[in-house]
Protein backbone atom coordinates (compact mmCIF):
# COMPACT_ATOMS: atom_id res chain seq x y z
CA UNK A 1 82.39 83.66 86.70
CA UNK A 2 84.89 86.57 87.43
CA UNK A 3 88.46 84.92 87.33
CA UNK A 4 89.57 88.42 88.79
CA UNK A 5 87.43 87.85 92.07
CA UNK A 6 89.99 87.68 95.17
CA UNK A 7 90.15 84.44 97.55
CA UNK A 8 90.49 85.63 101.31
CA UNK A 9 90.50 83.16 103.80
CA UNK A 10 92.14 83.14 107.61
CA UNK A 11 95.70 82.35 108.01
CA UNK A 12 94.41 79.06 110.34
CA UNK A 13 92.29 77.78 107.51
CA UNK A 14 95.37 78.25 104.85
CA UNK A 15 97.27 75.98 107.61
CA UNK A 16 94.64 73.31 108.06
CA UNK A 17 94.91 69.88 107.60
CA UNK A 18 92.80 67.95 105.25
CA UNK A 19 91.74 64.83 107.11
CA UNK A 20 90.39 63.26 103.59
CA UNK A 21 92.13 65.61 101.31
CA UNK A 22 89.82 67.62 98.47
CA UNK A 23 90.58 66.65 95.05
CA UNK A 24 91.82 69.30 92.44
CA UNK A 25 87.86 69.56 91.56
CA UNK A 26 86.71 70.21 94.85
CA UNK A 27 88.92 72.51 95.78
CA UNK A 28 88.26 74.78 92.72
CA UNK A 29 84.46 74.54 93.58
CA UNK A 30 85.31 75.57 97.26
CA UNK A 31 87.88 78.75 96.35
CA UNK A 32 85.13 79.88 93.85
CA UNK A 33 82.72 79.72 96.56
CA UNK A 34 84.88 81.71 98.73
CA UNK A 35 85.88 84.08 96.14
CA UNK A 36 82.18 85.09 95.97
CA UNK A 37 82.05 86.09 99.58
CA UNK A 38 81.85 89.86 100.11
CA UNK A 39 83.81 91.64 102.67
CA UNK A 40 80.70 93.20 104.64
CA UNK A 41 79.09 89.86 104.53
CA UNK A 42 78.09 89.06 108.28
CA UNK A 43 76.54 85.46 107.53
CA UNK A 44 77.01 83.00 104.79
CA UNK A 45 74.72 82.84 102.20
CA UNK A 46 73.91 80.12 99.23
CA UNK A 47 76.53 80.48 96.69
CA UNK A 48 75.40 79.96 93.10
CA UNK A 49 77.37 78.00 90.37
CA UNK A 50 75.75 77.52 86.97
CA UNK A 51 76.22 74.02 85.83
CA UNK A 52 77.88 75.33 82.64
CA UNK A 53 80.55 77.10 85.00
CA UNK A 54 80.90 73.69 86.94
CA UNK A 55 81.21 71.89 83.48
CA UNK A 56 84.00 74.35 82.45
CA UNK A 57 85.93 74.86 85.85
CA UNK A 58 85.97 71.29 86.39
CA UNK A 59 87.09 70.65 82.66
CA UNK A 60 84.25 67.77 82.17
CA UNK A 61 84.21 66.54 78.26
CA UNK A 62 81.09 66.32 76.29
CA UNK A 63 77.72 67.32 77.21
CA UNK A 64 76.62 68.56 80.93
CA UNK A 65 75.92 65.29 82.68
CA UNK A 66 73.99 66.55 86.17
CA UNK A 67 74.54 62.84 87.74
CA UNK A 68 78.26 63.26 87.52
CA UNK A 69 77.79 66.62 88.86
CA UNK A 70 75.38 65.52 91.67
CA UNK A 71 78.30 62.73 92.43
CA UNK A 72 81.11 65.68 92.58
CA UNK A 73 79.09 67.66 95.12
CA UNK A 74 78.00 64.50 97.04
CA UNK A 75 81.89 63.39 97.39
CA UNK A 76 82.72 67.22 98.67
CA UNK A 77 79.87 67.36 101.39
CA UNK A 78 81.45 64.28 102.56
CA UNK A 79 85.14 66.23 103.01
CA UNK A 80 86.11 66.90 106.86
CA UNK A 81 88.80 70.03 107.54
CA UNK A 82 90.90 70.17 110.73
CA UNK A 83 91.87 73.73 111.73
CA UNK A 84 94.27 74.07 114.25
CA UNK A 85 93.09 76.67 116.94
CA UNK A 86 94.97 79.49 118.89
CA UNK A 87 94.85 77.11 122.20
CA UNK A 88 96.42 74.47 120.49
CA UNK A 89 93.75 72.65 119.98
CA UNK A 90 91.61 72.05 116.75
CA UNK A 91 88.39 72.41 114.91
CA UNK A 92 87.20 69.83 112.97
CA UNK A 93 84.10 70.64 110.19
CA UNK A 94 82.88 69.59 107.09
CA UNK A 95 83.23 72.42 104.22
CA UNK A 96 79.86 72.51 102.78
CA UNK A 97 76.48 71.79 104.65
CA UNK A 98 74.01 72.01 101.99
CA UNK A 99 73.70 71.82 98.43
CA UNK A 100 70.68 72.16 96.24
CA UNK A 101 69.94 71.91 92.31
CA UNK A 102 66.71 73.16 91.36
CA UNK A 103 65.27 71.29 88.26
CA UNK A 104 65.30 73.36 85.09
CA UNK A 105 67.51 76.53 86.53
CA UNK A 106 70.62 75.13 85.56
CA UNK A 107 72.27 76.25 88.89
CA UNK A 108 73.57 74.90 91.80
CA UNK A 109 73.50 76.53 95.26
CA UNK A 110 76.00 75.51 97.90
CA UNK A 111 76.37 76.82 101.53
CA UNK A 112 79.38 76.56 103.82
CA UNK A 113 79.32 74.90 107.19
CA UNK A 114 78.44 77.60 109.97
CA UNK A 115 82.00 76.23 111.93
CA UNK A 116 83.92 78.12 109.19
CA UNK A 117 82.38 81.56 109.63
CA UNK A 118 85.55 82.89 111.86
CA UNK A 119 87.95 81.82 108.95
CA UNK A 120 86.22 83.56 105.96
CA UNK A 121 84.06 86.36 107.45
CA UNK A 122 84.50 89.91 108.42
CA UNK A 123 88.25 89.37 108.50
CA UNK A 124 90.62 92.21 109.48
CA UNK A 125 93.73 90.78 110.34
CA UNK A 126 96.01 87.49 109.54
CA UNK A 127 94.37 86.49 106.18
CA UNK A 128 95.79 85.89 102.91
CA UNK A 129 94.46 87.06 99.24
CA UNK A 130 94.86 85.93 95.92
CA UNK A 131 93.13 86.32 92.63
CA UNK A 132 90.93 83.08 91.86
CA UNK A 133 92.50 82.73 88.06
CA UNK A 134 95.68 82.11 89.69
CA UNK A 135 94.39 78.90 91.16
CA UNK A 136 91.87 78.07 88.08
CA UNK A 137 94.80 77.47 85.86
CA UNK A 138 96.12 74.56 88.21
CA UNK A 139 95.82 70.90 86.92
CA UNK A 140 96.95 69.54 90.36
CA UNK A 141 95.51 69.86 93.78
CA UNK A 142 99.11 69.76 95.26
CA UNK A 143 99.83 72.64 93.05
CA UNK A 144 96.61 74.99 94.61
CA UNK A 145 97.70 74.18 98.11
CA UNK A 146 101.48 74.77 97.66
CA UNK A 147 100.21 78.02 96.19
CA UNK A 148 97.90 78.76 98.98
CA UNK A 149 100.99 78.10 101.86
CA UNK A 150 103.36 80.13 99.69
CA UNK A 151 100.77 83.32 99.37
CA UNK A 152 100.61 83.35 103.22
CA UNK A 153 104.21 83.61 103.54
CA UNK A 154 105.10 85.56 100.67
CA UNK A 155 105.46 88.68 102.64
CA UNK A 156 108.50 87.15 104.50
CA UNK A 157 110.21 85.88 101.24
CA UNK A 158 110.76 82.69 102.67
CA UNK A 159 109.11 79.73 104.56
CA UNK A 160 110.72 76.61 106.44
CA UNK A 161 108.54 73.20 107.09
CA UNK A 162 109.44 70.00 108.23
CA UNK A 163 108.73 67.58 105.27
CA UNK A 164 106.09 65.21 107.45
CA UNK A 165 103.99 68.53 108.04
CA UNK A 166 104.24 69.86 104.76
CA UNK A 167 102.55 66.30 103.30
CA UNK A 168 99.79 67.05 105.38
CA UNK A 169 99.44 70.60 104.86
CA UNK A 170 99.28 70.10 101.07
CA UNK A 171 96.98 67.12 101.16
CA UNK A 172 98.97 63.72 101.03
CA UNK A 173 97.40 61.30 102.91
CA UNK A 174 98.85 59.50 105.73
CA UNK A 175 100.57 56.17 104.04
CA UNK A 176 101.42 58.04 100.75
CA UNK A 177 104.78 58.71 99.23
CA UNK A 178 106.54 57.44 102.63
CA UNK A 179 110.00 57.75 100.46
CA UNK A 180 111.18 61.46 100.43
CA UNK A 181 112.42 61.00 96.64
CA UNK A 182 109.15 59.72 95.88
CA UNK A 183 107.50 62.93 96.97
CA UNK A 184 110.16 64.93 95.55
CA UNK A 185 109.91 63.89 92.15
CA UNK A 186 106.12 63.31 92.04
CA UNK A 187 104.75 65.93 94.14
CA UNK A 188 107.13 68.67 94.93
CA UNK A 189 109.34 69.30 91.95
CA UNK A 190 105.99 69.03 89.63
CA UNK A 191 103.79 71.29 92.19
CA UNK A 192 106.85 73.88 91.84
CA UNK A 193 106.84 73.73 88.16
CA UNK A 194 103.30 74.36 87.66
CA UNK A 195 103.19 77.20 90.22
CA UNK A 196 106.24 78.92 88.71
CA UNK A 197 104.46 78.71 85.05
CA UNK A 198 101.06 79.58 85.75
CA UNK A 199 100.86 81.83 88.58
CA UNK A 200 102.29 85.20 89.99
CA UNK A 201 104.69 83.46 92.13
CA UNK A 202 108.09 82.33 91.67
CA UNK A 203 109.09 79.46 94.06
CA UNK A 204 112.62 77.45 94.79
CA UNK A 205 113.49 75.41 97.67
CA UNK A 206 116.53 74.04 99.70
CA UNK A 207 116.81 70.73 101.69
CA UNK A 208 117.75 70.72 105.01
CA UNK A 209 119.20 67.49 106.13
CA UNK A 210 119.68 65.58 109.33
CA UNK A 211 122.44 63.26 108.86
CA UNK A 212 121.51 61.71 105.30
CA UNK A 213 117.67 62.44 105.50
CA UNK A 214 116.02 65.42 104.42
CA UNK A 215 114.53 66.69 107.56
CA UNK A 216 113.10 70.23 106.44
CA UNK A 217 112.37 72.24 103.12
CA UNK A 218 113.23 75.72 102.88
CA UNK A 219 111.33 77.59 100.37
CA UNK A 220 112.02 81.08 98.86
CA UNK A 221 109.08 82.83 97.81
CA UNK A 222 109.11 85.66 94.91
CA UNK A 223 106.83 87.92 92.88
CA UNK A 224 106.66 86.98 89.10
CA UNK A 225 107.27 90.40 87.73
CA UNK A 226 106.68 89.87 84.06
CA UNK A 227 103.18 88.23 85.28
CA UNK A 228 102.45 91.41 86.64
CA UNK A 229 99.94 93.84 85.04
CA UNK A 230 102.42 96.87 83.81
CA UNK A 231 101.95 99.73 81.79
CA UNK A 232 103.59 98.72 78.21
CA UNK A 233 105.59 101.70 76.64
CA UNK A 234 103.06 103.83 74.75
CA UNK A 235 102.86 107.05 73.59
CA UNK A 236 101.72 109.71 75.80
CA UNK A 237 97.78 109.65 74.41
CA UNK A 238 97.54 105.96 75.02
CA UNK A 239 99.39 105.88 78.05
CA UNK A 240 97.16 108.62 79.41
CA UNK A 241 93.82 106.65 78.33
CA UNK A 242 94.91 103.04 79.67
CA UNK A 243 95.61 105.39 82.93
CA UNK A 244 92.37 106.55 82.97
CA UNK A 245 90.72 102.90 82.78
CA UNK A 246 92.36 101.98 85.78
CA UNK A 247 90.74 101.88 89.47
CA UNK A 248 92.13 104.61 91.79
CA UNK A 249 93.81 102.09 93.79
CA UNK A 250 95.56 100.70 91.06
CA UNK A 251 96.64 104.25 90.07
CA UNK A 252 97.96 104.74 93.85
CA UNK A 253 99.94 101.39 93.64
CA UNK A 254 101.64 102.62 90.53
CA UNK A 255 102.27 106.06 92.21
CA UNK A 256 103.78 103.99 95.25
CA UNK A 257 105.64 101.79 93.22
CA UNK A 258 107.47 104.59 91.56
CA UNK A 259 108.79 105.59 95.03
CA UNK A 260 109.53 102.20 96.31
CA UNK A 261 113.30 101.25 96.06
CA UNK A 262 114.04 97.39 95.39
CA UNK A 263 110.70 96.14 95.76
CA UNK A 264 107.35 96.44 94.14
CA UNK A 265 103.58 96.05 95.52
CA UNK A 266 101.52 93.50 93.50
CA UNK A 267 97.90 93.85 92.88
CA UNK A 268 96.90 91.63 95.88
CA UNK A 269 99.47 92.07 98.39
CA UNK A 270 98.71 96.12 97.96
CA UNK A 271 94.51 95.44 98.02
CA UNK A 272 95.05 93.90 101.42
CA UNK A 273 97.55 96.90 102.42
CA UNK A 274 95.32 99.41 101.18
CA UNK A 275 92.50 97.75 102.80
CA UNK A 276 93.86 98.47 106.09
CA UNK A 277 95.72 101.87 105.55
CA UNK A 278 92.67 103.20 103.98
CA UNK A 279 90.29 102.56 107.55
CA UNK A 280 93.05 104.17 109.53
CA UNK A 281 93.76 107.22 107.72
CA UNK A 282 91.16 107.90 105.21
CA UNK A 283 92.05 110.94 103.26
CA UNK A 284 95.45 111.08 104.33
CA UNK A 285 96.21 107.14 102.99
CA UNK A 286 98.42 108.34 100.31
CA UNK A 287 100.77 110.65 102.49
CA UNK A 288 101.24 108.23 105.26
CA UNK A 289 102.17 105.27 103.05
CA UNK A 290 104.42 107.60 101.13
CA UNK A 291 106.22 108.43 104.60
CA UNK A 292 106.48 104.84 105.57
CA UNK A 293 107.66 104.21 101.64
CA UNK A 294 110.47 106.82 102.30
CA UNK A 295 111.50 105.49 105.60
CA UNK A 296 111.84 101.82 104.32
CA UNK A 297 114.03 103.35 101.49
CA UNK A 298 116.43 105.21 103.62
CA UNK A 299 116.55 102.64 106.61
CA UNK A 300 119.14 100.24 105.63
CA UNK A 301 118.42 97.72 108.36
CA UNK A 302 115.20 96.86 106.83
CA UNK A 303 115.91 93.50 105.02
CA UNK A 304 112.43 92.70 103.74
CA UNK A 305 110.36 95.66 103.05
CA UNK A 306 107.31 94.49 102.08
CA UNK A 307 106.98 92.45 105.43
CA UNK A 308 108.28 95.00 107.33
CA UNK A 309 105.29 97.51 105.70
CA UNK A 310 102.68 94.98 106.43
CA UNK A 311 103.71 94.22 110.20
CA UNK A 312 103.70 98.07 110.81
CA UNK A 313 100.34 98.64 109.09
CA UNK A 314 98.92 95.61 111.25
CA UNK A 315 100.25 97.41 114.63
CA UNK A 316 98.65 100.61 113.40
CA UNK A 317 95.09 98.97 112.82
CA UNK A 318 95.42 97.61 116.11
CA UNK A 319 96.10 101.03 117.97
CA UNK A 320 93.34 102.53 115.56
CA UNK A 321 91.06 99.66 116.88
CA UNK A 322 92.10 100.38 120.54
CA UNK A 323 90.72 104.13 120.09
CA UNK A 324 94.10 105.38 119.36
CA UNK A 325 95.76 107.64 116.30
CA UNK A 326 99.05 106.79 114.49
CA UNK A 327 101.01 108.86 112.04
CA UNK A 328 104.19 108.10 110.57
CA UNK A 329 105.29 111.69 110.59
CA UNK A 330 107.90 111.37 113.21
CA UNK A 331 109.40 108.16 111.80
CA UNK A 332 113.06 108.85 110.94
CA UNK A 333 116.25 106.43 109.95
CA UNK A 334 118.60 105.96 112.71
CA UNK A 335 122.07 107.62 112.24
CA UNK A 336 123.87 105.44 115.17
CA UNK A 337 123.18 102.03 115.25
CA UNK A 338 124.74 99.12 117.29
CA UNK A 339 125.60 95.46 116.79
CA UNK A 340 122.30 93.23 116.85
CA UNK A 341 119.80 95.96 116.45
CA UNK A 342 116.35 94.94 115.42
CA UNK A 343 113.97 96.40 113.22
CA UNK A 344 111.50 98.43 115.35
CA UNK A 345 109.69 101.70 115.56
CA UNK A 346 110.02 104.48 118.30
CA UNK A 347 107.63 103.86 121.29
CA UNK A 348 105.24 106.27 120.01
CA UNK A 349 104.04 103.86 117.40
CA UNK A 350 103.00 101.12 120.07
CA UNK A 351 101.55 103.50 122.19
CA UNK A 352 98.12 105.17 122.33
CA UNK A 353 96.79 108.84 122.50
CA UNK A 354 96.84 109.61 126.27
CA UNK A 355 98.92 112.01 128.27
CA UNK A 356 101.73 110.65 130.09
CA UNK A 357 102.15 110.90 134.10
CA UNK A 358 105.25 112.96 135.07
CA UNK A 359 107.51 110.49 136.84
CA UNK A 360 107.86 110.20 140.91
CA UNK A 361 110.89 112.25 142.42
CA UNK A 362 113.59 109.87 143.63
CA UNK A 363 114.79 111.45 147.16
CA UNK A 364 118.15 109.84 146.99
CA UNK A 365 119.07 111.31 143.54
CA UNK A 366 117.76 114.44 144.92
CA UNK A 367 120.00 114.59 147.95
CA UNK A 368 123.30 113.37 145.82
CA UNK A 369 122.02 116.56 143.21
CA UNK A 370 122.42 118.81 146.54
CA UNK A 371 125.45 117.66 147.41
CA UNK A 372 127.04 118.26 143.80
CA UNK A 373 125.61 121.63 143.44
CA UNK A 374 126.85 122.45 146.97
CA UNK A 375 130.83 121.37 145.89
CA UNK A 376 130.25 123.43 142.71
CA UNK A 377 129.20 126.41 144.34
CA UNK A 378 132.38 125.97 147.14
CA UNK A 379 134.79 125.65 144.37
CA UNK A 380 133.20 128.69 142.59
CA UNK A 381 133.38 130.84 145.82
CA UNK A 382 137.42 129.53 146.44
CA UNK A 383 138.23 130.65 142.60
CA UNK A 384 136.57 134.29 142.95
CA UNK A 385 138.15 134.92 146.33
CA UNK A 386 141.42 133.63 144.63
CA UNK A 387 141.33 136.11 141.53
CA UNK A 388 140.05 139.15 143.63
CA UNK A 389 142.89 141.46 143.90
CA UNK A 390 144.08 142.67 147.44
CA UNK A 391 144.39 146.51 148.31
């Protein structure tokens, strides 16, 4: 199993409420399966995990007990997830529709329920990605769910959620931890401590009260830079050798990070960004991203550079999908500003490549224009008459 695999899910699935929450072991099985999905897959396959990998991933001690594994898979197949829909309703489905162990093979084959296809296959927008290794190291299922939610909102740098909703999202059953103090000390704080210590995120939180009761939690989400893979201070030969071992995408990320002022692209965020940008601009991807970064560096009203850049790439993708063409070449910072100005791009950014029709003439304006020109002509004539010498 490659812990560098990316786990990519639709944001609606990230926000889903687990009617009967997955255990930590079950979450790791599901997310390992998700990491095996290829971006080009059009349908689910049988995702194969060896019994040895099951044993290591789930922390089972002693010999590989097949009866214990069978019970874990059986429980997993009974779990149901409730996914919010765009219409305001919901979709309820099992996670796994089929499991098979072939005697003597040492392999277990699992297949996702068909209703999960819109949230796991052919994702172009509104999805979240992270490295599988970030969740395999976590001991608590609450920590895994909190990490996923924080990853979804990472590009904005903050997220606010009512306490009641937060409990449902991270997998707390309805009657558990009714007192906020118990929830805070036994779930929230331990989960944040584990995420901060073992993943690529650093989270802090603030309590928002209504009267004496804590009603909402506001999270601040940051990338943990010391955990990001960086080039150490090596001599030129060693540094050159290490650069050669990097992928072209990683090299591009390093070059663009050198241009960015006050923010950096981590590996997972840049993978998502680059996937969309390269489909839009192909060979001009680096040039277009450079221009966008230089704009963000100079445009002082941009308070959240990563969120701003992601939103513009998303907009560009929508225009590309509609058959239009878009470039950042004409994007320039605005010199004069007024109170309440919002971060926005010129009209050309949100319009397609099509000729613009000329505006129809306004008869009233034409009439006023003729009167003004007539008055100007009269004044000019009077002045010339006055200035002409008499004989």
